[in-house]
PDB file of N, CA and C in Angstrom:
ATOM      1  N   MET A   1     -12.917 -22.778  -4.899  1.00  0.00           N
ATOM      2  CA  MET A   1     -11.809 -22.069  -4.279  1.00  0.00           C
ATOM      3  C   MET A   1     -11.749 -20.653  -4.848  1.00  0.00           C
ATOM      4  N   SER A   2     -11.847 -19.659  -3.992  1.00  0.00           N
ATOM      5  CA  SER A   2     -11.806 -18.273  -4.472  1.00  0.00           C
ATOM      6  C   SER A   2     -10.363 -17.803  -4.603  1.00  0.00           C
ATOM      7  N   GLN A   3     -10.173 -16.891  -5.531  1.00  0.00           N
ATOM      8  CA  GLN A   3      -8.823 -16.393  -5.809  1.00  0.00           C
ATOM      9  C   GLN A   3      -8.522 -15.182  -4.934  1.00  0.00           C
ATOM     10  N   ASN A   4      -7.299 -15.113  -4.438  1.00  0.00           N
ATOM     11  CA  ASN A   4      -6.873 -13.959  -3.663  1.00  0.00           C
ATOM     12  C   ASN A   4      -6.723 -12.766  -4.586  1.00  0.00           C
ATOM     13  N   ARG A   5      -7.059 -11.589  -4.078  1.00  0.00           N
ATOM     14  CA  ARG A   5      -7.026 -10.386  -4.905  1.00  0.00           C
ATOM     15  C   ARG A   5      -6.518  -9.219  -4.083  1.00  0.00           C
ATOM     16  N   TYR A   6      -6.234  -8.145  -4.793  1.00  0.00           N
ATOM     17  CA  TYR A   6      -5.916  -6.901  -4.103  1.00  0.00           C
ATOM     18  C   TYR A   6      -6.790  -5.795  -4.661  1.00  0.00           C
ATOM     19  N   THR A   7      -7.125  -4.868  -3.777  1.00  0.00           N
ATOM     20  CA  THR A   7      -7.907  -3.694  -4.137  1.00  0.00           C
ATOM     21  C   THR A   7      -7.054  -2.479  -3.825  1.00  0.00           C
ATOM     22  N   VAL A   8      -6.937  -1.583  -4.793  1.00  0.00           N
ATOM     23  CA  VAL A   8      -6.149  -0.363  -4.608  1.00  0.00           C
ATOM     24  C   VAL A   8      -7.116   0.792  -4.396  1.00  0.00           C
ATOM     25  N   ARG A   9      -7.050   1.392  -3.231  1.00  0.00           N
ATOM     26  CA  ARG A   9      -7.877   2.562  -2.934  1.00  0.00           C
ATOM     27  C   ARG A   9      -7.499   3.728  -3.843  1.00  0.00           C
ATOM     28  N   PRO A  10      -8.426   4.654  -4.106  1.00  0.00           N
ATOM     29  CA  PRO A  10      -8.119   5.805  -4.973  1.00  0.00           C
ATOM     30  C   PRO A  10      -6.904   6.608  -4.511  1.00  0.00           C
ATOM     31  N   ARG A  11      -6.739   6.796  -3.218  1.00  0.00           N
ATOM     32  CA  ARG A  11      -5.589   7.573  -2.741  1.00  0.00           C
ATOM     33  C   ARG A  11      -4.285   6.831  -3.018  1.00  0.00           C
ATOM     34  N   ALA A  12      -4.288   5.519  -2.869  1.00  0.00           N
ATOM     35  CA  ALA A  12      -3.097   4.728  -3.181  1.00  0.00           C
ATOM     36  C   ALA A  12      -2.796   4.780  -4.675  1.00  0.00           C
ATOM     37  N   ASP A  13      -3.835   4.796  -5.493  1.00  0.00           N
ATOM     38  CA  ASP A  13      -3.649   4.908  -6.940  1.00  0.00           C
ATOM     39  C   ASP A  13      -2.989   6.243  -7.293  1.00  0.00           C
ATOM     40  N   ARG A  14      -3.420   7.312  -6.625  1.00  0.00           N
ATOM     41  CA  ARG A  14      -2.779   8.622  -6.839  1.00  0.00           C
ATOM     42  C   ARG A  14      -1.334   8.604  -6.346  1.00  0.00           C
ATOM     43  N   ASP A  15      -1.098   7.937  -5.213  1.00  0.00           N
ATOM     44  CA  ASP A  15       0.280   7.801  -4.712  1.00  0.00           C
ATOM     45  C   ASP A  15       1.166   7.150  -5.766  1.00  0.00           C
ATOM     46  N   LEU A  16       0.671   6.087  -6.376  1.00  0.00           N
ATOM     47  CA  LEU A  16       1.441   5.377  -7.406  1.00  0.00           C
ATOM     48  C   LEU A  16       1.755   6.286  -8.586  1.00  0.00           C
ATOM     49  N   ASP A  17       0.730   6.994  -9.068  1.00  0.00           N
ATOM     50  CA  ASP A  17       0.937   7.904 -10.204  1.00  0.00           C
ATOM     51  C   ASP A  17       1.936   9.002  -9.861  1.00  0.00           C
ATOM     52  N   ASP A  18       1.786   9.593  -8.678  1.00  0.00           N
ATOM     53  CA  ASP A  18       2.691  10.674  -8.261  1.00  0.00           C
ATOM     54  C   ASP A  18       4.131  10.183  -8.162  1.00  0.00           C
ATOM     55  N   GLN A  19       4.317   9.010  -7.572  1.00  0.00           N
ATOM     56  CA  GLN A  19       5.672   8.498  -7.395  1.00  0.00           C
ATOM     57  C   GLN A  19       6.284   8.095  -8.735  1.00  0.00           C
ATOM     58  N   ALA A  20       5.501   7.488  -9.614  1.00  0.00           N
ATOM     59  CA  ALA A  20       6.010   7.116 -10.939  1.00  0.00           C
ATOM     60  C   ALA A  20       6.432   8.364 -11.703  1.00  0.00           C
ATOM     61  N   HIS A  21       5.626   9.416 -11.623  1.00  0.00           N
ATOM     62  CA  HIS A  21       5.971  10.680 -12.288  1.00  0.00           C
ATOM     63  C   HIS A  21       7.264  11.252 -11.704  1.00  0.00           C
ATOM     64  N   HIS A  22       7.388  11.201 -10.388  1.00  0.00           N
ATOM     65  CA  HIS A  22       8.608  11.690  -9.732  1.00  0.00           C
ATOM     66  C   HIS A  22       9.834  10.920 -10.228  1.00  0.00           C
ATOM     67  N   PHE A  23       9.735   9.593 -10.259  1.00  0.00           N
ATOM     68  CA  PHE A  23      10.866   8.786 -10.736  1.00  0.00           C
ATOM     69  C   PHE A  23      11.220   9.123 -12.177  1.00  0.00           C
ATOM     70  N   GLU A  24      10.212   9.305 -13.027  1.00  0.00           N
ATOM     71  CA  GLU A  24      10.473   9.645 -14.427  1.00  0.00           C
ATOM     72  C   GLU A  24      11.124  11.014 -14.550  1.00  0.00           C
ATOM     73  N   THR A  25      10.689  11.965 -13.733  1.00  0.00           N
ATOM     74  CA  THR A  25      11.230  13.320 -13.776  1.00  0.00           C
ATOM     75  C   THR A  25      12.675  13.360 -13.286  1.00  0.00           C
ATOM     76  N   VAL A  26      12.937  12.683 -12.183  1.00  0.00           N
ATOM     77  CA  VAL A  26      14.265  12.718 -11.572  1.00  0.00           C
ATOM     78  C   VAL A  26      15.259  11.822 -12.311  1.00  0.00           C
ATOM     79  N   ALA A  27      14.838  10.600 -12.635  1.00  0.00           N
ATOM     80  CA  ALA A  27      15.772   9.629 -13.211  1.00  0.00           C
ATOM     81  C   ALA A  27      15.573   9.417 -14.706  1.00  0.00           C
ATOM     82  N   GLY A  28      14.446   9.894 -15.233  1.00  0.00           N
ATOM     83  CA  GLY A  28      14.186   9.731 -16.657  1.00  0.00           C
ATOM     84  C   GLY A  28      13.918   8.288 -17.036  1.00  0.00           C
ATOM     85  N   GLY A  29      13.645   8.116 -18.314  1.00  0.00           N
ATOM     86  CA  GLY A  29      13.503   6.768 -18.864  1.00  0.00           C
ATOM     87  C   GLY A  29      12.393   5.953 -18.267  1.00  0.00           C
ATOM     88  N   GLU A  30      12.724   4.713 -17.982  1.00  0.00           N
ATOM     89  CA  GLU A  30      11.721   3.722 -17.619  1.00  0.00           C
ATOM     90  C   GLU A  30      11.548   3.513 -16.118  1.00  0.00           C
ATOM     91  N   LEU A  31      12.197   4.296 -15.292  1.00  0.00           N
ATOM     92  CA  LEU A  31      12.139   4.038 -13.853  1.00  0.00           C
ATOM     93  C   LEU A  31      10.711   4.113 -13.316  1.00  0.00           C
ATOM     94  N   GLY A  32       9.928   5.072 -13.788  1.00  0.00           N
ATOM     95  CA  GLY A  32       8.536   5.180 -13.347  1.00  0.00           C
ATOM     96  C   GLY A  32       7.744   3.930 -13.682  1.00  0.00           C
ATOM     97  N   HIS A  33       7.929   3.425 -14.894  1.00  0.00           N
ATOM     98  CA  HIS A  33       7.241   2.201 -15.312  1.00  0.00           C
ATOM     99  C   HIS A  33       7.708   1.008 -14.477  1.00  0.00           C
ATOM    100  N   ARG A  34       9.016   0.900 -14.257  1.00  0.00           N
ATOM    101  CA  ARG A  34       9.551  -0.190 -13.431  1.00  0.00           C
ATOM    102  C   ARG A  34       8.964  -0.149 -12.024  1.00  0.00           C
ATOM    103  N   PHE A  35       8.800   1.070 -11.475  1.00  0.00           N
ATOM    104  CA  PHE A  35       8.205   1.209 -10.146  1.00  0.00           C
ATOM    105  C   PHE A  35       6.771   0.677 -10.139  1.00  0.00           C
ATOM    106  N   LEU A  36       5.974   1.055 -11.137  1.00  0.00           N
ATOM    107  CA  LEU A  36       4.579   0.602 -11.188  1.00  0.00           C
ATOM    108  C   LEU A  36       4.490  -0.919 -11.306  1.00  0.00           C
ATOM    109  N   VAL A  37       5.329  -1.503 -12.140  1.00  0.00           N
ATOM    110  CA  VAL A  37       5.342  -2.962 -12.289  1.00  0.00           C
ATOM    111  C   VAL A  37       5.738  -3.622 -10.968  1.00  0.00           C
ATOM    112  N   ALA A  38       6.768  -3.102 -10.321  1.00  0.00           N
ATOM    113  CA  ALA A  38       7.223  -3.661  -9.039  1.00  0.00           C
ATOM    114  C   ALA A  38       6.141  -3.534  -7.969  1.00  0.00           C
ATOM    115  N   ALA A  39       5.448  -2.399  -7.938  1.00  0.00           N
ATOM    116  CA  ALA A  39       4.381  -2.202  -6.950  1.00  0.00           C
ATOM    117  C   ALA A  39       3.269  -3.228  -7.163  1.00  0.00           C
ATOM    118  N   HIS A  40       2.828  -3.396  -8.397  1.00  0.00           N
ATOM    119  CA  HIS A  40       1.743  -4.350  -8.658  1.00  0.00           C
ATOM    120  C   HIS A  40       2.193  -5.799  -8.448  1.00  0.00           C
ATOM    121  N   ASP A  41       3.447  -6.107  -8.725  1.00  0.00           N
ATOM    122  CA  ASP A  41       3.976  -7.441  -8.397  1.00  0.00           C
ATOM    123  C   ASP A  41       3.943  -7.664  -6.887  1.00  0.00           C
ATOM    124  N   THR A  42       4.280  -6.638  -6.129  1.00  0.00           N
ATOM    125  CA  THR A  42       4.259  -6.744  -4.668  1.00  0.00           C
ATOM    126  C   THR A  42       2.825  -6.867  -4.164  1.00  0.00           C
ATOM    127  N   PHE A  43       1.887  -6.134  -4.770  1.00  0.00           N
ATOM    128  CA  PHE A  43       0.472  -6.262  -4.389  1.00  0.00           C
ATOM    129  C   PHE A  43      -0.002  -7.706  -4.597  1.00  0.00           C
ATOM    130  N   THR A  44       0.414  -8.303  -5.717  1.00  0.00           N
ATOM    131  CA  THR A  44       0.024  -9.684  -6.014  1.00  0.00           C
ATOM    132  C   THR A  44       0.563 -10.636  -4.949  1.00  0.00           C
ATOM    133  N   LEU A  45       1.806 -10.443  -4.547  1.00  0.00           N
ATOM    134  CA  LEU A  45       2.386 -11.253  -3.470  1.00  0.00           C
ATOM    135  C   LEU A  45       1.588 -11.071  -2.183  1.00  0.00           C
ATOM    136  N   LEU A  46       1.284  -9.830  -1.832  1.00  0.00           N
ATOM    137  CA  LEU A  46       0.536  -9.557  -0.604  1.00  0.00           C
ATOM    138  C   LEU A  46      -0.867 -10.158  -0.654  1.00  0.00           C
ATOM    139  N   ALA A  47      -1.480 -10.193  -1.827  1.00  0.00           N
ATOM    140  CA  ALA A  47      -2.814 -10.779  -1.959  1.00  0.00           C
ATOM    141  C   ALA A  47      -2.793 -12.268  -1.622  1.00  0.00           C
ATOM    142  N   THR A  48      -1.703 -12.942  -1.963  1.00  0.00           N
ATOM    143  CA  THR A  48      -1.609 -14.373  -1.667  1.00  0.00           C
ATOM    144  C   THR A  48      -1.128 -14.639  -0.247  1.00  0.00           C
ATOM    145  N   GLN A  49      -0.466 -13.647   0.352  1.00  0.00           N
ATOM    146  CA  GLN A  49       0.045 -13.779   1.717  1.00  0.00           C
ATOM    147  C   GLN A  49      -0.261 -12.485   2.479  1.00  0.00           C
ATOM    148  N   PRO A  50      -1.544 -12.231   2.769  1.00  0.00           N
ATOM    149  CA  PRO A  50      -1.962 -10.926   3.294  1.00  0.00           C
ATOM    150  C   PRO A  50      -1.386 -10.537   4.649  1.00  0.00           C
ATOM    151  N   LYS A  51      -0.860 -11.480   5.391  1.00  0.00           N
ATOM    152  CA  LYS A  51      -0.305 -11.122   6.703  1.00  0.00           C
ATOM    153  C   LYS A  51       1.198 -10.868   6.651  1.00  0.00           C
ATOM    154  N   HIS A  52       1.757 -10.794   5.438  1.00  0.00           N
ATOM    155  CA  HIS A  52       3.168 -10.414   5.282  1.00  0.00           C
ATOM    156  C   HIS A  52       3.348  -8.973   5.744  1.00  0.00           C
ATOM    157  N   GLY A  53       4.564  -8.610   6.006  1.00  0.00           N
ATOM    158  CA  GLY A  53       4.832  -7.247   6.441  1.00  0.00           C
ATOM    159  C   GLY A  53       4.819  -7.152   7.948  1.00  0.00           C
ATOM    160  N   TRP A  54       4.881  -5.935   8.420  1.00  0.00           N
ATOM    161  CA  TRP A  54       4.917  -5.738   9.862  1.00  0.00           C
ATOM    162  C   TRP A  54       3.755  -4.845  10.282  1.00  0.00           C
ATOM    163  N   HIS A  55       3.391  -4.974  11.567  1.00  0.00           N
ATOM    164  CA  HIS A  55       2.333  -4.131  12.126  1.00  0.00           C
ATOM    165  C   HIS A  55       2.842  -2.709  12.235  1.00  0.00           C
ATOM    166  N   SER A  56       1.982  -1.761  11.966  1.00  0.00           N
ATOM    167  CA  SER A  56       2.401  -0.360  11.934  1.00  0.00           C
ATOM    168  C   SER A  56       2.544   0.266  13.313  1.00  0.00           C
ATOM    169  N   ARG A  57       1.827  -0.249  14.304  1.00  0.00           N
ATOM    170  CA  ARG A  57       1.810   0.317  15.659  1.00  0.00           C
ATOM    171  C   ARG A  57       1.245   1.733  15.692  1.00  0.00           C
ATOM    172  N   LEU A  58       0.427   2.069  14.716  1.00  0.00           N
ATOM    173  CA  LEU A  58      -0.223   3.380  14.722  1.00  0.00           C
ATOM    174  C   LEU A  58      -1.315   3.385  15.773  1.00  0.00           C
ATOM    175  N   GLN A  59      -1.531   4.534  16.363  1.00  0.00           N
ATOM    176  CA  GLN A  59      -2.480   4.665  17.457  1.00  0.00           C
ATOM    177  C   GLN A  59      -3.867   5.051  16.950  1.00  0.00           C
ATOM    178  N   HIS A  60      -4.526   4.144  16.265  1.00  0.00           N
ATOM    179  CA  HIS A  60      -5.887   4.386  15.807  1.00  0.00           C
ATOM    180  C   HIS A  60      -6.610   3.049  15.748  1.00  0.00           C
ATOM    181  N   PRO A  61      -7.775   2.935  16.416  1.00  0.00           N
ATOM    182  CA  PRO A  61      -8.457   1.643  16.489  1.00  0.00           C
ATOM    183  C   PRO A  61      -8.828   1.056  15.123  1.00  0.00           C
ATOM    184  N   LYS A  62      -9.175   1.895  14.148  1.00  0.00           N
ATOM    185  CA  LYS A  62      -9.543   1.384  12.823  1.00  0.00           C
ATOM    186  C   LYS A  62      -8.343   0.824  12.071  1.00  0.00           C
ATOM    187  N   LEU A  63      -7.143   1.138  12.542  1.00  0.00           N
ATOM    188  CA  LEU A  63      -5.937   0.730  11.819  1.00  0.00           C
ATOM    189  C   LEU A  63      -5.114  -0.320  12.554  1.00  0.00           C
ATOM    190  N   LYS A  64      -5.692  -0.973  13.548  1.00  0.00           N
ATOM    191  CA  LYS A  64      -4.873  -1.926  14.297  1.00  0.00           C
ATOM    192  C   LYS A  64      -4.468  -3.138  13.460  1.00  0.00           C
ATOM    193  N   SER A  65      -5.173  -3.421  12.374  1.00  0.00           N
ATOM    194  CA  SER A  65      -4.766  -4.537  11.508  1.00  0.00           C
ATOM    195  C   SER A  65      -3.892  -4.077  10.335  1.00  0.00           C
ATOM    196  N   LEU A  66      -3.561  -2.781  10.290  1.00  0.00           N
ATOM    197  CA  LEU A  66      -2.742  -2.245   9.203  1.00  0.00           C
ATOM    198  C   LEU A  66      -1.386  -2.937   9.157  1.00  0.00           C
ATOM    199  N   ARG A  67      -0.972  -3.308   7.948  1.00  0.00           N
ATOM    200  CA  ARG A  67       0.333  -3.917   7.724  1.00  0.00           C
ATOM    201  C   ARG A  67       1.155  -3.004   6.826  1.00  0.00           C
ATOM    202  N   VAL A  68       2.469  -3.075   6.960  1.00  0.00           N
ATOM    203  CA  VAL A  68       3.395  -2.271   6.154  1.00  0.00           C
ATOM    204  C   VAL A  68       4.359  -3.236   5.471  1.00  0.00           C
ATOM    205  N   PHE A  69       4.597  -3.004   4.185  1.00  0.00           N
ATOM    206  CA  PHE A  69       5.478  -3.876   3.410  1.00  0.00           C
ATOM    207  C   PHE A  69       6.216  -3.030   2.383  1.00  0.00           C
ATOM    208  N   ARG A  70       7.434  -3.394   2.077  1.00  0.00           N
ATOM    209  CA  ARG A  70       8.238  -2.639   1.110  1.00  0.00           C
ATOM    210  C   ARG A  70       7.918  -3.063  -0.323  1.00  0.00           C
ATOM    211  N   VAL A  71       7.961  -2.088  -1.241  1.00  0.00           N
ATOM    212  CA  VAL A  71       7.801  -2.387  -2.662  1.00  0.00           C
ATOM    213  C   VAL A  71       9.068  -3.098  -3.138  1.00  0.00           C
ATOM    214  N   LYS A  72       8.887  -4.205  -3.826  1.00  0.00           N
ATOM    215  CA  LYS A  72      10.019  -4.984  -4.352  1.00  0.00           C
ATOM    216  C   LYS A  72      10.935  -4.091  -5.189  1.00  0.00           C
ATOM    217  N   ASP A  73      12.222  -4.123  -4.896  1.00  0.00           N
ATOM    218  CA  ASP A  73      13.270  -3.364  -5.598  1.00  0.00           C
ATOM    219  C   ASP A  73      13.214  -1.853  -5.365  1.00  0.00           C
ATOM    220  N   PHE A  74      12.276  -1.383  -4.548  1.00  0.00           N
ATOM    221  CA  PHE A  74      12.167   0.041  -4.188  1.00  0.00           C
ATOM    222  C   PHE A  74      11.984   0.089  -2.670  1.00  0.00           C
ATOM    223  N   GLU A  75      13.025  -0.307  -1.946  1.00  0.00           N
ATOM    224  CA  GLU A  75      12.926  -0.547  -0.512  1.00  0.00           C
ATOM    225  C   GLU A  75      12.505   0.661   0.315  1.00  0.00           C
ATOM    226  N   LYS A  76      12.678   1.862  -0.208  1.00  0.00           N
ATOM    227  CA  LYS A  76      12.259   3.048   0.550  1.00  0.00           C
ATOM    228  C   LYS A  76      10.773   3.350   0.377  1.00  0.00           C
ATOM    229  N   MET A  77      10.120   2.647  -0.530  1.00  0.00           N
ATOM    230  CA  MET A  77       8.692   2.852  -0.764  1.00  0.00           C
ATOM    231  C   MET A  77       7.899   1.805   0.021  1.00  0.00           C
ATOM    232  N   LEU A  78       6.929   2.280   0.799  1.00  0.00           N
ATOM    233  CA  LEU A  78       6.156   1.410   1.678  1.00  0.00           C
ATOM    234  C   LEU A  78       4.713   1.292   1.216  1.00  0.00           C
ATOM    235  N   ILE A  79       4.189   0.091   1.325  1.00  0.00           N
ATOM    236  CA  ILE A  79       2.784  -0.187   1.036  1.00  0.00           C
ATOM    237  C   ILE A  79       2.073  -0.301   2.372  1.00  0.00           C
ATOM    238  N   LEU A  80       1.003   0.453   2.545  1.00  0.00           N
ATOM    239  CA  LEU A  80       0.168   0.363   3.741  1.00  0.00           C
ATOM    240  C   LEU A  80      -1.096  -0.377   3.334  1.00  0.00           C
ATOM    241  N   CYS A  81      -1.335  -1.519   3.957  1.00  0.00           N
ATOM    242  CA  CYS A  81      -2.459  -2.348   3.520  1.00  0.00           C
ATOM    243  C   CYS A  81      -3.167  -2.994   4.703  1.00  0.00           C
ATOM    244  N   ILE A  82      -4.388  -3.424   4.429  1.00  0.00           N
ATOM    245  CA  ILE A  82      -5.216  -4.113   5.410  1.00  0.00           C
ATOM    246  C   ILE A  82      -5.464  -5.528   4.884  1.00  0.00           C
ATOM    247  N   PRO A  83      -5.155  -6.565   5.673  1.00  0.00           N
ATOM    248  CA  PRO A  83      -5.470  -7.930   5.240  1.00  0.00           C
ATOM    249  C   PRO A  83      -6.984  -8.120   5.141  1.00  0.00           C
ATOM    250  N   LEU A  84      -7.415  -8.795   4.094  1.00  0.00           N
ATOM    251  CA  LEU A  84      -8.821  -9.139   3.898  1.00  0.00           C
ATOM    252  C   LEU A  84      -8.961 -10.654   3.907  1.00  0.00           C
ATOM    253  N   VAL A  85     -10.184 -11.129   3.878  1.00  0.00           N
ATOM    254  CA  VAL A  85     -10.426 -12.565   3.867  1.00  0.00           C
ATOM    255  C   VAL A  85      -9.762 -13.212   2.654  1.00  0.00           C
ATOM    256  N   ASN A  86      -9.877 -12.577   1.483  1.00  0.00           N
ATOM    257  CA  ASN A  86      -9.323 -13.147   0.247  1.00  0.00           C
ATOM    258  C   ASN A  86      -8.312 -12.229  -0.411  1.00  0.00           C
ATOM    259  N   GLY A  87      -7.429 -11.619   0.356  1.00  0.00           N
ATOM    260  CA  GLY A  87      -6.417 -10.748  -0.233  1.00  0.00           C
ATOM    261  C   GLY A  87      -6.087  -9.566   0.657  1.00  0.00           C
ATOM    262  N   VAL A  88      -5.836  -8.415   0.013  1.00  0.00           N
ATOM    263  CA  VAL A  88      -5.489  -7.198   0.751  1.00  0.00           C
ATOM    264  C   VAL A  88      -6.136  -5.978   0.107  1.00  0.00           C
ATOM    265  N   GLU A  89      -6.285  -4.955   0.920  1.00  0.00           N
ATOM    266  CA  GLU A  89      -6.727  -3.648   0.447  1.00  0.00           C
ATOM    267  C   GLU A  89      -5.543  -2.698   0.610  1.00  0.00           C
ATOM    268  N   ILE A  90      -5.117  -2.083  -0.478  1.00  0.00           N
ATOM    269  CA  ILE A  90      -3.977  -1.174  -0.476  1.00  0.00           C
ATOM    270  C   ILE A  90      -4.500   0.227  -0.164  1.00  0.00           C
ATOM    271  N   LEU A  91      -4.083   0.785   0.988  1.00  0.00           N
ATOM    272  CA  LEU A  91      -4.552   2.108   1.402  1.00  0.00           C
ATOM    273  C   LEU A  91      -3.672   3.226   0.870  1.00  0.00           C
ATOM    274  N   ARG A  92      -2.358   3.056   0.967  1.00  0.00           N
ATOM    275  CA  ARG A  92      -1.404   4.087   0.542  1.00  0.00           C
ATOM    276  C   ARG A  92      -0.125   3.418   0.068  1.00  0.00           C
ATOM    277  N   VAL A  93       0.643   4.148  -0.738  1.00  0.00           N
ATOM    278  CA  VAL A  93       1.999   3.762  -1.130  1.00  0.00           C
ATOM    279  C   VAL A  93       2.831   5.018  -0.932  1.00  0.00           C
ATOM    280  N   VAL A  94       3.726   4.993   0.062  1.00  0.00           N
ATOM    281  CA  VAL A  94       4.415   6.217   0.477  1.00  0.00           C
ATOM    282  C   VAL A  94       5.911   5.983   0.653  1.00  0.00           C
ATOM    283  N   HIS A  95       6.657   7.068   0.665  1.00  0.00           N
ATOM    284  CA  HIS A  95       8.094   6.997   0.938  1.00  0.00           C
ATOM    285  C   HIS A  95       8.283   6.698   2.423  1.00  0.00           C
ATOM    286  N   GLY A  96       9.290   5.917   2.730  1.00  0.00           N
ATOM    287  CA  GLY A  96       9.549   5.496   4.104  1.00  0.00           C
ATOM    288  C   GLY A  96       9.835   6.617   5.078  1.00  0.00           C
ATOM    289  N   SER A  97      10.215   7.790   4.577  1.00  0.00           N
ATOM    290  CA  SER A  97      10.491   8.907   5.475  1.00  0.00           C
ATOM    291  C   SER A  97       9.218   9.649   5.876  1.00  0.00           C
ATOM    292  N   SER A  98       8.079   9.254   5.335  1.00  0.00           N
ATOM    293  CA  SER A  98       6.809   9.926   5.634  1.00  0.00           C
ATOM    294  C   SER A  98       6.354   9.635   7.057  1.00  0.00           C
ATOM    295  N   ASN A  99       5.623  10.574   7.639  1.00  0.00           N
ATOM    296  CA  ASN A  99       4.993  10.378   8.938  1.00  0.00           C
ATOM    297  C   ASN A  99       3.674   9.649   8.677  1.00  0.00           C
ATOM    298  N   LEU A 100       3.658   8.349   8.916  1.00  0.00           N
ATOM    299  CA  LEU A 100       2.500   7.532   8.563  1.00  0.00           C
ATOM    300  C   LEU A 100       1.252   7.930   9.332  1.00  0.00           C
ATOM    301  N   GLN A 101       1.382   8.188  10.611  1.00  0.00           N
ATOM    302  CA  GLN A 101       0.219   8.579  11.419  1.00  0.00           C
ATOM    303  C   GLN A 101      -0.426   9.831  10.850  1.00  0.00           C
ATOM    304  N   SER A 102       0.372  10.819  10.531  1.00  0.00           N
ATOM    305  CA  SER A 102      -0.137  12.071   9.981  1.00  0.00           C
ATOM    306  C   SER A 102      -0.799  11.852   8.623  1.00  0.00           C
ATOM    307  N   LEU A 103      -0.163  11.077   7.762  1.00  0.00           N
ATOM    308  CA  LEU A 103      -0.725  10.799   6.435  1.00  0.00           C
ATOM    309  C   LEU A 103      -2.100  10.160   6.526  1.00  0.00           C
ATOM    310  N   LEU A 104      -2.237   9.183   7.407  1.00  0.00           N
ATOM    311  CA  LEU A 104      -3.496   8.463   7.500  1.00  0.00           C
ATOM    312  C   LEU A 104      -4.568   9.259   8.231  1.00  0.00           C
ATOM    313  N   ASN A 105      -4.185  10.081   9.181  1.00  0.00           N
ATOM    314  CA  ASN A 105      -5.174  10.880   9.896  1.00  0.00           C
ATOM    315  C   ASN A 105      -5.787  11.963   9.026  1.00  0.00           C
ATOM    316  N   ARG A 106      -4.976  12.595   8.174  1.00  0.00           N
ATOM    317  CA  ARG A 106      -5.503  13.710   7.384  1.00  0.00           C
ATOM    318  C   ARG A 106      -5.907  13.306   5.973  1.00  0.00           C
ATOM    319  N   GLY A 107      -5.452  12.130   5.524  1.00  0.00           N
ATOM    320  CA  GLY A 107      -5.682  11.741   4.136  1.00  0.00           C
ATOM    321  C   GLY A 107      -6.848  10.801   3.969  1.00  0.00           C
ATOM    322  N   ALA A 108      -6.999  10.323   2.769  1.00  0.00           N
ATOM    323  CA  ALA A 108      -8.104   9.438   2.411  1.00  0.00           C
ATOM    324  C   ALA A 108      -8.061   8.123   3.171  1.00  0.00           C
ATOM    325  N   GLY A 109      -6.925   7.789   3.747  1.00  0.00           N
ATOM    326  CA  GLY A 109      -6.817   6.549   4.492  1.00  0.00           C
ATOM    327  C   GLY A 109      -7.772   6.475   5.663  1.00  0.00           C
ATOM    328  N   MET A 110      -8.231   7.620   6.195  1.00  0.00           N
ATOM    329  CA  MET A 110      -9.133   7.604   7.337  1.00  0.00           C
ATOM    330  C   MET A 110     -10.517   8.152   7.020  1.00  0.00           C
ATOM    331  N   LYS A 111     -10.763   8.671   5.846  1.00  0.00           N
ATOM    332  CA  LYS A 111     -12.076   9.236   5.541  1.00  0.00           C
ATOM    333  C   LYS A 111     -13.145   8.164   5.443  1.00  0.00           C
ATOM    334  N   ALA A 112     -12.780   7.013   4.959  1.00  0.00           N
ATOM    335  CA  ALA A 112     -13.720   5.908   4.861  1.00  0.00           C
ATOM    336  C   ALA A 112     -13.074   4.691   5.497  1.00  0.00           C
ATOM    337  N   ALA A 113     -13.884   3.933   6.202  1.00  0.00           N
ATOM    338  CA  ALA A 113     -13.340   2.750   6.866  1.00  0.00           C
ATOM    339  C   ALA A 113     -12.896   1.730   5.832  1.00  0.00           C
ATOM    340  N   PRO A 114     -11.812   1.018   6.107  1.00  0.00           N
ATOM    341  CA  PRO A 114     -11.393  -0.055   5.208  1.00  0.00           C
ATOM    342  C   PRO A 114     -12.500  -1.091   5.065  1.00  0.00           C
ATOM    343  N   SER A 115     -12.426  -1.906   4.061  1.00  0.00           N
ATOM    344  CA  SER A 115     -13.441  -2.925   3.792  1.00  0.00           C
ATOM    345  C   SER A 115     -13.748  -3.735   5.040  1.00  0.00           C
ATOM    346  N   GLN A 116     -14.962  -4.196   5.112  1.00  0.00           N
ATOM    347  CA  GLN A 116     -15.398  -4.962   6.274  1.00  0.00           C
ATOM    348  C   GLN A 116     -14.996  -6.429   6.187  1.00  0.00           C
ATOM    349  N   MET A 117     -14.400  -6.862   5.081  1.00  0.00           N
ATOM    350  CA  MET A 117     -14.022  -8.256   4.889  1.00  0.00           C
ATOM    351  C   MET A 117     -12.633  -8.522   5.435  1.00  0.00           C
ATOM    352  N   ARG A 118     -12.351  -8.145   6.626  1.00  0.00           N
ATOM    353  CA  ARG A 118     -11.017  -8.304   7.197  1.00  0.00           C
ATOM    354  C   ARG A 118     -10.716  -9.760   7.504  1.00  0.00           C
ATOM    355  N   ALA A 119      -9.462 -10.089   7.387  1.00  0.00           N
ATOM    356  CA  ALA A 119      -9.013 -11.427   7.776  1.00  0.00           C
ATOM    357  C   ALA A 119      -8.922 -11.487   9.291  1.00  0.00           C
ATOM    358  N   THR A 120      -9.105 -12.659   9.836  1.00  0.00           N
ATOM    359  CA  THR A 120      -8.993 -12.813  11.290  1.00  0.00           C
ATOM    360  C   THR A 120      -7.811 -13.653  11.648  1.00  0.00           C
TER     361      THR A 120
END
């Protein structure tokens, strides 16, 4: 039995660092660390239940399986992920007010195709 896993793309990793820094700057203290822990806890949940979340309805054929899910305890922060056979691939972690189509069209989310191990 193989274990479910999550893969964090480099752009999503930068998103996490940027947002944690923002939380630390604005709120001080441990909020940035709490955000990172909550994000990785949510990634773990998504790895075990990769079809959680909602369809993005973005107009791009490579992204028709894209799912969106909120970071636990940070409801305005969204995880953009692709279900895989044994988990999920995390493409981006963004604020809910972001224009998702624009972010994915111009950012790293579209420069390379998501993993070929998609869930069916």
